Amino acid sequence: MENLIGYIAAFLTTVSFLPQVLRVVMTKQTRDISRNMYIMFFLGVLLWFVYGILRSDFPIILANAVTIFFVSIILYYKLTTEEKT
């Protein structure tokens, strides 16, 4: 039961980033996205990923690996696209 709750929580929190990723990729607009928030979030998720590895906790590893991927896409666009004012 614990793993089931972990998998459901991991799925929901990870998939919640998908709409933002799709919007950024399609529009290439990141003006309203906080760079610093995403950098801090990325570092936090990276630490959760390492924690999951150290505990051999697959739901934590999987969720955070996918979230790192999604957040990396958003950060890439945020750091490489010039915003027009």
PDB file of N, CA and C in Angstrom:
ATOM      1  N   MET A   1       0.812  -1.195   0.000  1.00  0.00           N
ATOM      2  CA  MET A   1       0.000   0.000   0.000  1.00  0.00           C
ATOM      3  C   MET A   1       0.859   1.265   0.000  1.00  0.00           C
ATOM      4  N   GLU A   2       1.975   1.232   0.739  1.00  0.00           N
ATOM      5  CA  GLU A   2       2.860   2.391   0.774  1.00  0.00           C
ATOM      6  C   GLU A   2       3.399   2.710  -0.614  1.00  0.00           C
ATOM      7  N   ASN A   3       3.820   1.677  -1.330  1.00  0.00           N
ATOM      8  CA  ASN A   3       4.348   1.915  -2.675  1.00  0.00           C
ATOM      9  C   ASN A   3       3.278   2.451  -3.611  1.00  0.00           C
ATOM     10  N   LEU A   4       2.051   1.963  -3.478  1.00  0.00           N
ATOM     11  CA  LEU A   4       0.964   2.455  -4.325  1.00  0.00           C
ATOM     12  C   LEU A   4       0.743   3.949  -4.096  1.00  0.00           C
ATOM     13  N   ILE A   5       0.719   4.361  -2.842  1.00  0.00           N
ATOM     14  CA  ILE A   5       0.575   5.787  -2.532  1.00  0.00           C
ATOM     15  C   ILE A   5       1.753   6.564  -3.104  1.00  0.00           C
ATOM     16  N   GLY A   6       2.936   6.022  -2.983  1.00  0.00           N
ATOM     17  CA  GLY A   6       4.128   6.666  -3.538  1.00  0.00           C
ATOM     18  C   GLY A   6       4.048   6.824  -5.041  1.00  0.00           C
ATOM     19  N   TYR A   7       3.606   5.782  -5.723  1.00  0.00           N
ATOM     20  CA  TYR A   7       3.484   5.852  -7.183  1.00  0.00           C
ATOM     21  C   TYR A   7       2.427   6.865  -7.618  1.00  0.00           C
ATOM     22  N   ILE A   8       1.301   6.895  -6.923  1.00  0.00           N
ATOM     23  CA  ILE A   8       0.245   7.852  -7.281  1.00  0.00           C
ATOM     24  C   ILE A   8       0.723   9.282  -7.044  1.00  0.00           C
ATOM     25  N   ALA A   9       1.342   9.527  -5.894  1.00  0.00           N
ATOM     26  CA  ALA A   9       1.860  10.864  -5.595  1.00  0.00           C
ATOM     27  C   ALA A   9       2.926  11.265  -6.609  1.00  0.00           C
ATOM     28  N   ALA A  10       3.807  10.349  -6.934  1.00  0.00           N
ATOM     29  CA  ALA A  10       4.868  10.628  -7.902  1.00  0.00           C
ATOM     30  C   ALA A  10       4.279  10.951  -9.270  1.00  0.00           C
ATOM     31  N   PHE A  11       3.294  10.189  -9.683  1.00  0.00           N
ATOM     32  CA  PHE A  11       2.668  10.422 -10.980  1.00  0.00           C
ATOM     33  C   PHE A  11       2.019  11.797 -11.038  1.00  0.00           C
ATOM     34  N   LEU A  12       1.228  12.125 -10.031  1.00  0.00           N
ATOM     35  CA  LEU A  12       0.492  13.392 -10.044  1.00  0.00           C
ATOM     36  C   LEU A  12       1.420  14.599  -9.998  1.00  0.00           C
ATOM     37  N   THR A  13       2.408  14.575  -9.120  1.00  0.00           N
ATOM     38  CA  THR A  13       3.297  15.731  -9.022  1.00  0.00           C
ATOM     39  C   THR A  13       4.197  15.864 -10.239  1.00  0.00           C
ATOM     40  N   THR A  14       4.577  14.766 -10.823  1.00  0.00           N
ATOM     41  CA  THR A  14       5.432  14.818 -12.006  1.00  0.00           C
ATOM     42  C   THR A  14       4.655  15.290 -13.225  1.00  0.00           C
ATOM     43  N   VAL A  15       3.485  14.733 -13.442  1.00  0.00           N
ATOM     44  CA  VAL A  15       2.678  15.087 -14.608  1.00  0.00           C
ATOM     45  C   VAL A  15       2.187  16.534 -14.527  1.00  0.00           C
ATOM     46  N   SER A  16       2.141  17.094 -13.331  1.00  0.00           N
ATOM     47  CA  SER A  16       1.677  18.479 -13.193  1.00  0.00           C
ATOM     48  C   SER A  16       2.568  19.463 -13.949  1.00  0.00           C
ATOM     49  N   PHE A  17       3.799  19.096 -14.252  1.00  0.00           N
ATOM     50  CA  PHE A  17       4.702  19.968 -15.005  1.00  0.00           C
ATOM     51  C   PHE A  17       4.477  19.901 -16.508  1.00  0.00           C
ATOM     52  N   LEU A  18       3.822  18.878 -16.973  1.00  0.00           N
ATOM     53  CA  LEU A  18       3.668  18.684 -18.414  1.00  0.00           C
ATOM     54  C   LEU A  18       2.982  19.850 -19.122  1.00  0.00           C
ATOM     55  N   PRO A  19       1.885  20.408 -18.610  1.00  0.00           N
ATOM     56  CA  PRO A  19       1.275  21.544 -19.318  1.00  0.00           C
ATOM     57  C   PRO A  19       2.228  22.727 -19.478  1.00  0.00           C
ATOM     58  N   GLN A  20       3.028  23.016 -18.441  1.00  0.00           N
ATOM     59  CA  GLN A  20       3.975  24.130 -18.536  1.00  0.00           C
ATOM     60  C   GLN A  20       5.061  23.830 -19.557  1.00  0.00           C
ATOM     61  N   VAL A  21       5.562  22.607 -19.554  1.00  0.00           N
ATOM     62  CA  VAL A  21       6.594  22.223 -20.520  1.00  0.00           C
ATOM     63  C   VAL A  21       6.059  22.359 -21.937  1.00  0.00           C
ATOM     64  N   LEU A  22       4.876  21.846 -22.186  1.00  0.00           N
ATOM     65  CA  LEU A  22       4.295  21.929 -23.531  1.00  0.00           C
ATOM     66  C   LEU A  22       4.085  23.375 -23.953  1.00  0.00           C
ATOM     67  N   ARG A  23       3.616  24.194 -23.038  1.00  0.00           N
ATOM     68  CA  ARG A  23       3.389  25.608 -23.370  1.00  0.00           C
ATOM     69  C   ARG A  23       4.698  26.311 -23.718  1.00  0.00           C
ATOM     70  N   VAL A  24       5.732  26.083 -22.922  1.00  0.00           N
ATOM     71  CA  VAL A  24       7.026  26.721 -23.178  1.00  0.00           C
ATOM     72  C   VAL A  24       7.606  26.246 -24.500  1.00  0.00           C
ATOM     73  N   VAL A  25       7.548  24.961 -24.761  1.00  0.00           N
ATOM     74  CA  VAL A  25       8.095  24.422 -26.010  1.00  0.00           C
ATOM     75  C   VAL A  25       7.325  24.955 -27.216  1.00  0.00           C
ATOM     76  N   MET A  26       6.017  25.053 -27.103  1.00  0.00           N
ATOM     77  CA  MET A  26       5.212  25.502 -28.243  1.00  0.00           C
ATOM     78  C   MET A  26       5.311  27.009 -28.470  1.00  0.00           C
ATOM     79  N   THR A  27       5.357  27.792 -27.401  1.00  0.00           N
ATOM     80  CA  THR A  27       5.349  29.251 -27.554  1.00  0.00           C
ATOM     81  C   THR A  27       6.738  29.872 -27.485  1.00  0.00           C
ATOM     82  N   LYS A  28       7.683  29.161 -26.901  1.00  0.00           N
ATOM     83  CA  LYS A  28       9.043  29.668 -26.673  1.00  0.00           C
ATOM     84  C   LYS A  28       9.028  30.919 -25.788  1.00  0.00           C
ATOM     85  N   GLN A  29       7.986  31.103 -25.012  1.00  0.00           N
ATOM     86  CA  GLN A  29       7.866  32.271 -24.140  1.00  0.00           C
ATOM     87  C   GLN A  29       8.037  31.853 -22.684  1.00  0.00           C
ATOM     88  N   THR A  30       8.957  32.531 -22.007  1.00  0.00           N
ATOM     89  CA  THR A  30       9.229  32.218 -20.605  1.00  0.00           C
ATOM     90  C   THR A  30       9.266  33.471 -19.732  1.00  0.00           C
ATOM     91  N   ARG A  31       8.787  34.573 -20.243  1.00  0.00           N
ATOM     92  CA  ARG A  31       8.877  35.853 -19.529  1.00  0.00           C
ATOM     93  C   ARG A  31       8.263  35.780 -18.130  1.00  0.00           C
ATOM     94  N   ASP A  32       7.158  35.115 -17.985  1.00  0.00           N
ATOM     95  CA  ASP A  32       6.452  35.080 -16.702  1.00  0.00           C
ATOM     96  C   ASP A  32       6.901  33.945 -15.785  1.00  0.00           C
ATOM     97  N   ILE A  33       7.960  33.264 -16.153  1.00  0.00           N
ATOM     98  CA  ILE A  33       8.481  32.162 -15.348  1.00  0.00           C
ATOM     99  C   ILE A  33       9.695  32.657 -14.567  1.00  0.00           C
ATOM    100  N   SER A  34       9.727  32.376 -13.286  1.00  0.00           N
ATOM    101  CA  SER A  34      10.830  32.804 -12.428  1.00  0.00           C
ATOM    102  C   SER A  34      12.035  31.884 -12.613  1.00  0.00           C
ATOM    103  N   ARG A  35      13.119  32.459 -13.109  1.00  0.00           N
ATOM    104  CA  ARG A  35      14.351  31.692 -13.301  1.00  0.00           C
ATOM    105  C   ARG A  35      14.859  31.152 -11.966  1.00  0.00           C
ATOM    106  N   ASN A  36      14.926  32.022 -10.956  1.00  0.00           N
ATOM    107  CA  ASN A  36      15.474  31.607  -9.665  1.00  0.00           C
ATOM    108  C   ASN A  36      14.636  30.512  -9.011  1.00  0.00           C
ATOM    109  N   MET A  37      13.330  30.601  -9.146  1.00  0.00           N
ATOM    110  CA  MET A  37      12.467  29.567  -8.578  1.00  0.00           C
ATOM    111  C   MET A  37      12.751  28.222  -9.237  1.00  0.00           C
ATOM    112  N   TYR A  38      12.889  28.218 -10.554  1.00  0.00           N
ATOM    113  CA  TYR A  38      13.137  26.954 -11.247  1.00  0.00           C
ATOM    114  C   TYR A  38      14.529  26.412 -10.965  1.00  0.00           C
ATOM    115  N   ILE A  39      15.509  27.279 -10.769  1.00  0.00           N
ATOM    116  CA  ILE A  39      16.850  26.812 -10.409  1.00  0.00           C
ATOM    117  C   ILE A  39      16.819  26.162  -9.026  1.00  0.00           C
ATOM    118  N   MET A  40      16.182  26.831  -8.064  1.00  0.00           N
ATOM    119  CA  MET A  40      16.089  26.253  -6.716  1.00  0.00           C
ATOM    120  C   MET A  40      15.277  24.965  -6.730  1.00  0.00           C
ATOM    121  N   PHE A  41      14.198  24.950  -7.492  1.00  0.00           N
ATOM    122  CA  PHE A  41      13.377  23.750  -7.590  1.00  0.00           C
ATOM    123  C   PHE A  41      14.179  22.602  -8.203  1.00  0.00           C
ATOM    124  N   PHE A  42      14.924  22.896  -9.271  1.00  0.00           N
ATOM    125  CA  PHE A  42      15.765  21.889  -9.918  1.00  0.00           C
ATOM    126  C   PHE A  42      16.740  21.279  -8.911  1.00  0.00           C
ATOM    127  N   LEU A  43      17.400  22.137  -8.131  1.00  0.00           N
ATOM    128  CA  LEU A  43      18.361  21.634  -7.144  1.00  0.00           C
ATOM    129  C   LEU A  43      17.668  20.778  -6.083  1.00  0.00           C
ATOM    130  N   GLY A  44      16.491  21.191  -5.643  1.00  0.00           N
ATOM    131  CA  GLY A  44      15.739  20.396  -4.677  1.00  0.00           C
ATOM    132  C   GLY A  44      15.339  19.043  -5.230  1.00  0.00           C
ATOM    133  N   VAL A  45      14.867  19.028  -6.458  1.00  0.00           N
ATOM    134  CA  VAL A  45      14.467  17.766  -7.093  1.00  0.00           C
ATOM    135  C   VAL A  45      15.686  16.870  -7.308  1.00  0.00           C
ATOM    136  N   LEU A  46      16.806  17.470  -7.663  1.00  0.00           N
ATOM    137  CA  LEU A  46      18.041  16.700  -7.826  1.00  0.00           C
ATOM    138  C   LEU A  46      18.425  16.021  -6.509  1.00  0.00           C
ATOM    139  N   LEU A  47      18.298  16.746  -5.413  1.00  0.00           N
ATOM    140  CA  LEU A  47      18.600  16.148  -4.106  1.00  0.00           C
ATOM    141  C   LEU A  47      17.604  15.043  -3.747  1.00  0.00           C
ATOM    142  N   TRP A  48      16.327  15.232  -4.072  1.00  0.00           N
ATOM    143  CA  TRP A  48      15.342  14.163  -3.862  1.00  0.00           C
ATOM    144  C   TRP A  48      15.706  12.929  -4.686  1.00  0.00           C
ATOM    145  N   PHE A  49      16.181  13.140  -5.904  1.00  0.00           N
ATOM    146  CA  PHE A  49      16.601  12.039  -6.771  1.00  0.00           C
ATOM    147  C   PHE A  49      17.753  11.262  -6.124  1.00  0.00           C
ATOM    148  N   VAL A  50      18.756  11.990  -5.636  1.00  0.00           N
ATOM    149  CA  VAL A  50      19.897  11.353  -4.966  1.00  0.00           C
ATOM    150  C   VAL A  50      19.423  10.612  -3.713  1.00  0.00           C
ATOM    151  N   TYR A  51      18.545  11.242  -2.956  1.00  0.00           N
ATOM    152  CA  TYR A  51      17.979  10.609  -1.763  1.00  0.00           C
ATOM    153  C   TYR A  51      17.277   9.298  -2.131  1.00  0.00           C
ATOM    154  N   GLY A  52      16.507   9.318  -3.199  1.00  0.00           N
ATOM    155  CA  GLY A  52      15.828   8.107  -3.648  1.00  0.00           C
ATOM    156  C   GLY A  52      16.804   7.007  -4.014  1.00  0.00           C
ATOM    157  N   ILE A  53      17.899   7.397  -4.656  1.00  0.00           N
ATOM    158  CA  ILE A  53      18.927   6.408  -5.005  1.00  0.00           C
ATOM    159  C   ILE A  53      19.549   5.824  -3.738  1.00  0.00           C
ATOM    160  N   LEU A  54      19.887   6.689  -2.793  1.00  0.00           N
ATOM    161  CA  LEU A  54      20.510   6.218  -1.552  1.00  0.00           C
ATOM    162  C   LEU A  54      19.587   5.283  -0.774  1.00  0.00           C
ATOM    163  N   ARG A  55      18.283   5.497  -0.862  1.00  0.00           N
ATOM    164  CA  ARG A  55      17.309   4.651  -0.168  1.00  0.00           C
ATOM    165  C   ARG A  55      16.792   3.506  -1.037  1.00  0.00           C
ATOM    166  N   SER A  56      17.217   3.470  -2.298  1.00  0.00           N
ATOM    167  CA  SER A  56      16.707   2.484  -3.253  1.00  0.00           C
ATOM    168  C   SER A  56      15.184   2.537  -3.318  1.00  0.00           C
ATOM    169  N   ASP A  57      14.653   3.748  -3.362  1.00  0.00           N
ATOM    170  CA  ASP A  57      13.205   3.975  -3.368  1.00  0.00           C
ATOM    171  C   ASP A  57      12.770   4.331  -4.787  1.00  0.00           C
ATOM    172  N   PHE A  58      12.264   3.332  -5.500  1.00  0.00           N
ATOM    173  CA  PHE A  58      11.970   3.511  -6.925  1.00  0.00           C
ATOM    174  C   PHE A  58      10.956   4.607  -7.221  1.00  0.00           C
ATOM    175  N   PRO A  59       9.853   4.747  -6.460  1.00  0.00           N
ATOM    176  CA  PRO A  59       8.927   5.847  -6.766  1.00  0.00           C
ATOM    177  C   PRO A  59       9.594   7.223  -6.689  1.00  0.00           C
ATOM    178  N   ILE A  60      10.444   7.424  -5.698  1.00  0.00           N
ATOM    179  CA  ILE A  60      11.144   8.706  -5.570  1.00  0.00           C
ATOM    180  C   ILE A  60      12.126   8.888  -6.718  1.00  0.00           C
ATOM    181  N   ILE A  61      12.846   7.847  -7.068  1.00  0.00           N
ATOM    182  CA  ILE A  61      13.817   7.925  -8.168  1.00  0.00           C
ATOM    183  C   ILE A  61      13.110   8.250  -9.476  1.00  0.00           C
ATOM    184  N   LEU A  62      12.079   7.505  -9.795  1.00  0.00           N
ATOM    185  CA  LEU A  62      11.382   7.677 -11.071  1.00  0.00           C
ATOM    186  C   LEU A  62      10.738   9.056 -11.182  1.00  0.00           C
ATOM    187  N   ALA A  63      10.001   9.443 -10.161  1.00  0.00           N
ATOM    188  CA  ALA A  63       9.304  10.736 -10.205  1.00  0.00           C
ATOM    189  C   ALA A  63      10.284  11.884 -10.362  1.00  0.00           C
ATOM    190  N   ASN A  64      11.359  11.846  -9.632  1.00  0.00           N
ATOM    191  CA  ASN A  64      12.301  12.953  -9.686  1.00  0.00           C
ATOM    192  C   ASN A  64      13.157  12.934 -10.941  1.00  0.00           C
ATOM    193  N   ALA A  65      13.418  11.771 -11.501  1.00  0.00           N
ATOM    194  CA  ALA A  65      14.136  11.718 -12.778  1.00  0.00           C
ATOM    195  C   ALA A  65      13.308  12.374 -13.879  1.00  0.00           C
ATOM    196  N   VAL A  66      12.032  12.052 -13.927  1.00  0.00           N
ATOM    197  CA  VAL A  66      11.156  12.649 -14.943  1.00  0.00           C
ATOM    198  C   VAL A  66      10.986  14.143 -14.689  1.00  0.00           C
ATOM    199  N   THR A  67      10.833  14.533 -13.421  1.00  0.00           N
ATOM    200  CA  THR A  67      10.691  15.951 -13.094  1.00  0.00           C
ATOM    201  C   THR A  67      11.952  16.719 -13.456  1.00  0.00           C
ATOM    202  N   ILE A  68      13.117  16.148 -13.214  1.00  0.00           N
ATOM    203  CA  ILE A  68      14.378  16.786 -13.621  1.00  0.00           C
ATOM    204  C   ILE A  68      14.369  17.024 -15.121  1.00  0.00           C
ATOM    205  N   PHE A  69      13.906  16.053 -15.879  1.00  0.00           N
ATOM    206  CA  PHE A  69      13.829  16.199 -17.335  1.00  0.00           C
ATOM    207  C   PHE A  69      12.917  17.363 -17.714  1.00  0.00           C
ATOM    208  N   PHE A  70      11.716  17.399 -17.135  1.00  0.00           N
ATOM    209  CA  PHE A  70      10.760  18.466 -17.455  1.00  0.00           C
ATOM    210  C   PHE A  70      11.295  19.841 -17.051  1.00  0.00           C
ATOM    211  N   VAL A  71      11.824  19.937 -15.841  1.00  0.00           N
ATOM    212  CA  VAL A  71      12.333  21.222 -15.356  1.00  0.00           C
ATOM    213  C   VAL A  71      13.541  21.658 -16.177  1.00  0.00           C
ATOM    214  N   SER A  72      14.355  20.715 -16.612  1.00  0.00           N
ATOM    215  CA  SER A  72      15.510  21.053 -17.456  1.00  0.00           C
ATOM    216  C   SER A  72      15.070  21.677 -18.773  1.00  0.00           C
ATOM    217  N   ILE A  73      13.992  21.182 -19.337  1.00  0.00           N
ATOM    218  CA  ILE A  73      13.472  21.764 -20.581  1.00  0.00           C
ATOM    219  C   ILE A  73      13.047  23.208 -20.340  1.00  0.00           C
ATOM    220  N   ILE A  74      12.307  23.437 -19.273  1.00  0.00           N
ATOM    221  CA  ILE A  74      11.852  24.792 -18.969  1.00  0.00           C
ATOM    222  C   ILE A  74      13.048  25.705 -18.707  1.00  0.00           C
ATOM    223  N   LEU A  75      14.010  25.245 -17.925  1.00  0.00           N
ATOM    224  CA  LEU A  75      15.192  26.062 -17.645  1.00  0.00           C
ATOM    225  C   LEU A  75      15.998  26.338 -18.907  1.00  0.00           C
ATOM    226  N   TYR A  76      16.116  25.346 -19.771  1.00  0.00           N
ATOM    227  CA  TYR A  76      16.836  25.555 -21.028  1.00  0.00           C
ATOM    228  C   TYR A  76      16.217  26.716 -21.803  1.00  0.00           C
ATOM    229  N   TYR A  77      14.914  26.676 -21.971  1.00  0.00           N
ATOM    230  CA  TYR A  77      14.240  27.756 -22.697  1.00  0.00           C
ATOM    231  C   TYR A  77      14.356  29.080 -21.946  1.00  0.00           C
ATOM    232  N   LYS A  78      14.251  29.043 -20.638  1.00  0.00           N
ATOM    233  CA  LYS A  78      14.344  30.268 -19.843  1.00  0.00           C
ATOM    234  C   LYS A  78      15.720  30.903 -19.992  1.00  0.00           C
ATOM    235  N   LEU A  79      16.760  30.085 -19.995  1.00  0.00           N
ATOM    236  CA  LEU A  79      18.125  30.604 -20.034  1.00  0.00           C
ATOM    237  C   LEU A  79      18.626  30.901 -21.443  1.00  0.00           C
ATOM    238  N   THR A  80      17.967  30.371 -22.463  1.00  0.00           N
ATOM    239  CA  THR A  80      18.482  30.559 -23.826  1.00  0.00           C
ATOM    240  C   THR A  80      17.620  31.432 -24.721  1.00  0.00           C
ATOM    241  N   THR A  81      16.415  31.727 -24.309  1.00  0.00           N
ATOM    242  CA  THR A  81      15.578  32.581 -25.150  1.00  0.00           C
ATOM    243  C   THR A  81      15.610  34.000 -24.628  1.00  0.00           C
ATOM    244  N   GLU A  82      15.707  34.926 -25.533  1.00  0.00           N
ATOM    245  CA  GLU A  82      15.671  36.334 -25.152  1.00  0.00           C
ATOM    246  C   GLU A  82      14.240  36.780 -25.090  1.00  0.00           C
ATOM    247  N   GLU A  83      13.923  37.433 -24.009  1.00  0.00           N
ATOM    248  CA  GLU A  83      12.573  37.950 -23.848  1.00  0.00           C
ATOM    249  C   GLU A  83      12.476  39.314 -24.500  1.00  0.00           C
ATOM    250  N   LYS A  84      11.404  39.531 -25.223  1.00  0.00           N
ATOM    251  CA  LYS A  84      11.153  40.833 -25.824  1.00  0.00           C
ATOM    252  C   LYS A  84      10.267  41.632 -24.885  1.00  0.00           C
ATOM    253  N   THR A  85      10.671  42.850 -24.620  1.00  0.00           N
ATOM    254  CA  THR A  85       9.878  43.682 -23.708  1.00  0.00           C
ATOM    255  C   THR A  85       9.029  44.659 -24.468  1.00  0.00           C
TER     256      THR A  85
END
